[in-house]
Amino acid sequence: MSTVLQAKERKELRRSELRKIRDNGNIPAVVYGAKVESKPVFVSSADLTKTIRMAGRNGIISLDIDGNKVDVILSDYQEDCIKRDIIHVDFLAVDKSSKITVGVRLVLTGEAAGVKDGGVLQQPLHEISITTTPDQIPPEIELDVSNLQVGETATISDILYQGDFTINHEEDEVIASILPPKQEEEINAGEQQEGGHPDNEEGRETEPVGK
């Protein structure tokens, strides 16, 4: 059963109206989709937070727009760069029986063996693109990197998952790697220099100046 979120259509689109909406504890949003006419709306900030907590980041939401319900997922959102508050939301209207392509957060689990040995973990891929029906979208995809050693990489082919979805990446695309510890040259300022003669001593003036 979908979680219901109340929304109201926005009639006024001026910038001053957006500020007013936010000042009243609401978030401007837009609803769009292949079979839905794009419509500006707004939702309660508190209700949206509660809904995401209940349905999950990729869960289906029954968006009730002034009495008309539309099944949507949270397609995208914008945050205030300083406060990190959500300031705008995009809702994608979906058909539960039709497949869609979405991004799902990739989470690395476990402490890599290579990190314990001093290596540095790098994760170039943080989101996985998948294709599936809206009701089969996982909240996140996990990859255990506990056995990853220094110099080794984990790729898409290493993901073990259960679910009716297709991953839209090449199998050899790198998800994470363990870089060797950084080799820093240590210089001991108090180290005594080994005695000897300069390599280019020959040809140098050895008599006192003026003689």
Protein backbone atom coordinates (compact mmCIF):
# COMPACT_ATOMS: atom_id res chain seq x y z
CA MET A 1 0.00 0.00 0.00
CA SER A 2 1.36 3.42 -0.98
CA THR A 3 2.04 6.09 1.59
CA VAL A 4 -0.25 9.08 1.09
CA LEU A 5 1.21 12.60 0.91
CA GLN A 6 -1.04 15.63 0.68
CA ALA A 7 -0.23 18.27 -1.93
CA LYS A 8 -1.81 21.45 -3.20
CA GLU A 9 -1.56 22.91 -6.68
CA ARG A 10 0.40 26.12 -7.02
CA LYS A 11 -1.58 28.79 -8.80
CA GLU A 12 0.95 31.59 -8.42
CA LEU A 13 4.45 31.00 -9.82
CA ARG A 14 6.19 34.23 -8.92
CA ARG A 15 9.46 34.08 -6.98
CA SER A 16 7.90 35.95 -4.08
CA GLU A 17 5.26 33.22 -3.84
CA LEU A 18 7.96 30.53 -3.59
CA ARG A 19 9.51 32.37 -0.67
CA LYS A 20 6.11 32.62 0.97
CA ILE A 21 5.52 28.87 0.52
CA ARG A 22 8.84 28.05 2.17
CA ASP A 23 8.31 30.54 5.00
CA ASN A 24 5.07 28.72 5.82
CA GLY A 25 6.89 25.39 6.25
CA ASN A 26 6.12 24.00 2.79
CA ILE A 27 8.22 22.89 -0.18
CA PRO A 28 7.54 23.85 -3.81
CA ALA A 29 7.41 20.84 -6.10
CA VAL A 30 6.48 19.71 -9.59
CA VAL A 31 4.73 16.54 -10.73
CA TYR A 32 5.51 15.17 -14.19
CA GLY A 33 5.41 11.93 -16.12
CA ALA A 34 4.66 10.35 -19.47
CA LYS A 35 0.91 10.18 -18.83
CA VAL A 36 0.59 13.20 -16.55
CA GLU A 37 0.56 16.86 -17.44
CA SER A 38 3.33 18.68 -15.61
CA LYS A 39 1.85 20.45 -12.61
CA PRO A 40 3.40 22.75 -9.97
CA VAL A 41 2.40 21.85 -6.41
CA PHE A 42 3.63 22.24 -2.86
CA VAL A 43 3.80 19.85 0.09
CA SER A 44 4.40 20.19 3.81
CA SER A 45 8.08 19.92 4.67
CA ALA A 46 7.31 17.92 7.83
CA ASP A 47 4.94 15.58 5.97
CA LEU A 48 7.49 14.98 3.20
CA THR A 49 10.18 14.07 5.72
CA LYS A 50 7.79 11.68 7.46
CA THR A 51 6.72 10.14 4.13
CA ILE A 52 10.30 9.52 2.98
CA ARG A 53 11.05 7.92 6.33
CA MET A 54 8.07 5.58 5.92
CA ALA A 55 8.25 4.80 2.19
CA GLY A 56 12.00 5.10 1.66
CA ARG A 57 13.93 7.23 -0.81
CA ASN A 58 12.64 5.22 -3.79
CA GLY A 59 9.28 4.11 -2.42
CA ILE A 60 5.97 4.71 -4.17
CA ILE A 61 4.03 7.68 -2.80
CA SER A 62 0.34 8.31 -3.36
CA LEU A 63 0.38 12.05 -3.95
CA ASP A 64 -3.04 13.48 -3.15
CA ILE A 65 -3.31 16.72 -5.15
CA ASP A 66 -6.45 18.47 -3.94
CA GLY A 67 -8.32 15.15 -3.86
CA ASN A 68 -6.79 13.57 -7.01
CA LYS A 69 -4.31 10.81 -6.21
CA VAL A 70 -1.29 10.07 -8.40
CA ASP A 71 1.33 7.34 -7.78
CA VAL A 72 4.76 9.01 -7.79
CA ILE A 73 8.33 8.46 -6.70
CA LEU A 74 10.75 11.12 -5.50
CA SER A 75 12.72 11.70 -8.69
CA ASP A 76 14.99 14.52 -7.54
CA TYR A 77 15.30 17.28 -4.99
CA GLN A 78 17.31 20.41 -4.34
CA GLU A 79 18.88 21.41 -1.03
CA ASP A 80 19.87 24.73 0.44
CA CYS A 81 23.68 24.76 0.13
CA ILE A 82 24.11 26.13 3.65
CA LYS A 83 21.21 24.82 5.76
CA ARG A 84 20.90 21.54 3.78
CA ASP A 85 17.11 21.89 3.90
CA ILE A 86 15.11 20.58 0.93
CA ILE A 87 13.89 23.58 -1.08
CA HIS A 88 12.37 21.91 -4.16
CA VAL A 89 11.15 18.45 -5.13
CA ASP A 90 10.48 16.67 -8.43
CA PHE A 91 7.85 13.93 -8.31
CA LEU A 92 7.77 11.44 -11.18
CA ALA A 93 4.32 9.97 -11.86
CA VAL A 94 4.61 6.21 -12.41
CA ASP A 95 2.61 3.22 -13.58
CA LYS A 96 3.22 0.32 -11.19
CA SER A 97 3.22 -2.15 -14.09
CA SER A 98 5.63 -0.21 -16.35
CA LYS A 99 9.40 -0.36 -15.99
CA ILE A 100 11.36 2.82 -15.35
CA THR A 101 15.04 3.68 -15.02
CA VAL A 102 16.14 5.20 -11.71
CA GLY A 103 19.29 5.76 -9.68
CA VAL A 104 19.76 3.82 -6.43
CA ARG A 105 22.30 4.68 -3.76
CA LEU A 106 25.28 2.33 -3.54
CA VAL A 107 26.48 1.56 -0.02
CA LEU A 108 29.82 -0.11 0.79
CA THR A 109 29.70 -2.34 3.86
CA GLY A 110 32.45 -3.83 5.99
CA GLU A 111 35.98 -2.58 6.60
CA ALA A 112 38.27 -3.49 3.72
CA ALA A 113 41.28 -5.64 4.62
CA GLY A 114 43.45 -3.33 2.54
CA VAL A 115 42.39 -0.33 4.61
CA LYS A 116 43.42 -2.17 7.77
CA ASP A 117 46.84 -2.59 6.15
CA GLY A 118 47.14 1.14 5.55
CA GLY A 119 45.58 1.39 2.09
CA VAL A 120 43.18 4.12 1.01
CA LEU A 121 39.64 3.30 -0.10
CA GLN A 122 38.36 5.12 -3.18
CA GLN A 123 34.74 4.92 -4.35
CA PRO A 124 34.20 6.53 -7.76
CA LEU A 125 30.64 5.18 -8.11
CA HIS A 126 28.03 6.17 -5.52
CA GLU A 127 24.81 5.49 -7.42
CA ILE A 128 23.67 2.56 -9.53
CA SER A 129 21.31 2.99 -12.49
CA ILE A 130 18.70 0.23 -12.64
CA THR A 131 15.59 -0.55 -14.67
CA THR A 132 12.58 -2.15 -13.00
CA THR A 133 8.95 -1.59 -12.06
CA PRO A 134 8.36 1.06 -9.35
CA ASP A 135 7.40 -1.52 -6.72
CA GLN A 136 10.69 -3.40 -7.18
CA ILE A 137 13.04 -0.45 -6.62
CA PRO A 138 15.35 -1.29 -3.67
CA PRO A 139 16.02 1.44 -1.08
CA GLU A 140 19.77 0.93 -1.67
CA ILE A 141 22.25 -1.55 -3.11
CA GLU A 142 25.02 -2.90 -0.86
CA LEU A 143 28.46 -4.24 -1.65
CA ASP A 144 30.63 -5.92 1.00
CA VAL A 145 34.27 -4.84 0.58
CA SER A 146 35.64 -6.67 3.64
CA ASN A 147 37.92 -8.91 1.55
CA LEU A 148 39.26 -6.15 -0.71
CA GLN A 149 43.07 -6.04 -0.51
CA VAL A 150 45.55 -3.28 -1.37
CA GLY A 151 45.77 -2.94 -5.15
CA GLU A 152 42.44 -4.70 -5.75
CA THR A 153 39.23 -3.26 -7.22
CA ALA A 154 35.54 -4.10 -6.90
CA THR A 155 33.39 -3.85 -10.03
CA ILE A 156 29.74 -4.07 -10.98
CA SER A 157 30.17 -7.82 -11.49
CA ASP A 158 30.90 -8.19 -7.75
CA ILE A 159 27.42 -7.02 -6.75
CA LEU A 160 25.32 -9.88 -5.40
CA TYR A 161 21.69 -8.84 -5.32
CA GLN A 162 18.23 -10.30 -5.04
CA GLY A 163 15.49 -8.47 -6.86
CA ASP A 164 13.70 -8.13 -10.14
CA PHE A 165 15.76 -5.35 -11.70
CA THR A 166 18.45 -4.85 -14.30
CA ILE A 167 21.70 -2.97 -13.61
CA ASN A 168 22.53 -0.55 -16.42
CA HIS A 169 26.33 -0.62 -16.12
CA GLU A 170 29.15 -2.54 -17.73
CA GLU A 171 30.29 -5.43 -15.56
CA ASP A 172 33.88 -4.14 -15.43
CA GLU A 173 32.95 -0.64 -14.25
CA VAL A 174 34.89 0.10 -11.06
CA ILE A 175 32.92 0.66 -7.89
CA ALA A 176 35.74 0.83 -5.36
CA SER A 177 39.49 0.28 -5.14
CA ILE A 178 42.18 0.16 -2.46
CA LEU A 179 45.19 2.36 -3.22
CA PRO A 180 48.60 1.55 -1.69
CA PRO A 181 49.71 3.63 1.31
CA LYS A 182 51.34 6.89 0.26
CA GLN A 183 55.10 6.54 0.32
CA GLU A 184 56.54 9.67 1.91
CA GLU A 185 60.28 10.31 1.88
CA GLU A 186 61.41 10.84 5.42
CA ILE A 187 64.31 13.20 5.83
CA ASN A 188 66.13 13.24 9.15
CA ALA A 189 67.44 16.73 9.54
CA GLY A 190 69.85 15.62 12.28
CA GLU A 191 71.38 12.77 10.30
CA GLN A 192 75.16 13.02 10.03
CA GLN A 193 76.35 13.23 6.45
CA GLU A 194 78.83 10.68 5.23
CA GLY A 195 82.33 12.06 4.72
CA GLY A 196 84.01 12.18 1.32
CA HIS A 197 85.02 14.44 -1.53
CA PRO A 198 82.74 16.25 -3.97
CA ASP A 199 82.21 14.42 -7.25
CA ASN A 200 83.39 17.42 -9.26
CA GLU A 201 86.36 18.29 -7.06
CA GLU A 202 88.75 18.04 -9.99
CA GLY A 203 89.33 21.44 -11.59
CA ARG A 204 88.32 23.40 -8.51
CA GLU A 205 90.63 26.14 -7.19
CA THR A 206 92.43 24.79 -4.14
CA GLU A 207 94.84 27.62 -3.41
CA PRO A 208 93.81 30.61 -1.28
CA VAL A 209 92.43 33.52 -3.26
CA GLY A 210 95.04 36.12 -4.03
CA LYS A 211 97.97 33.73 -4.19
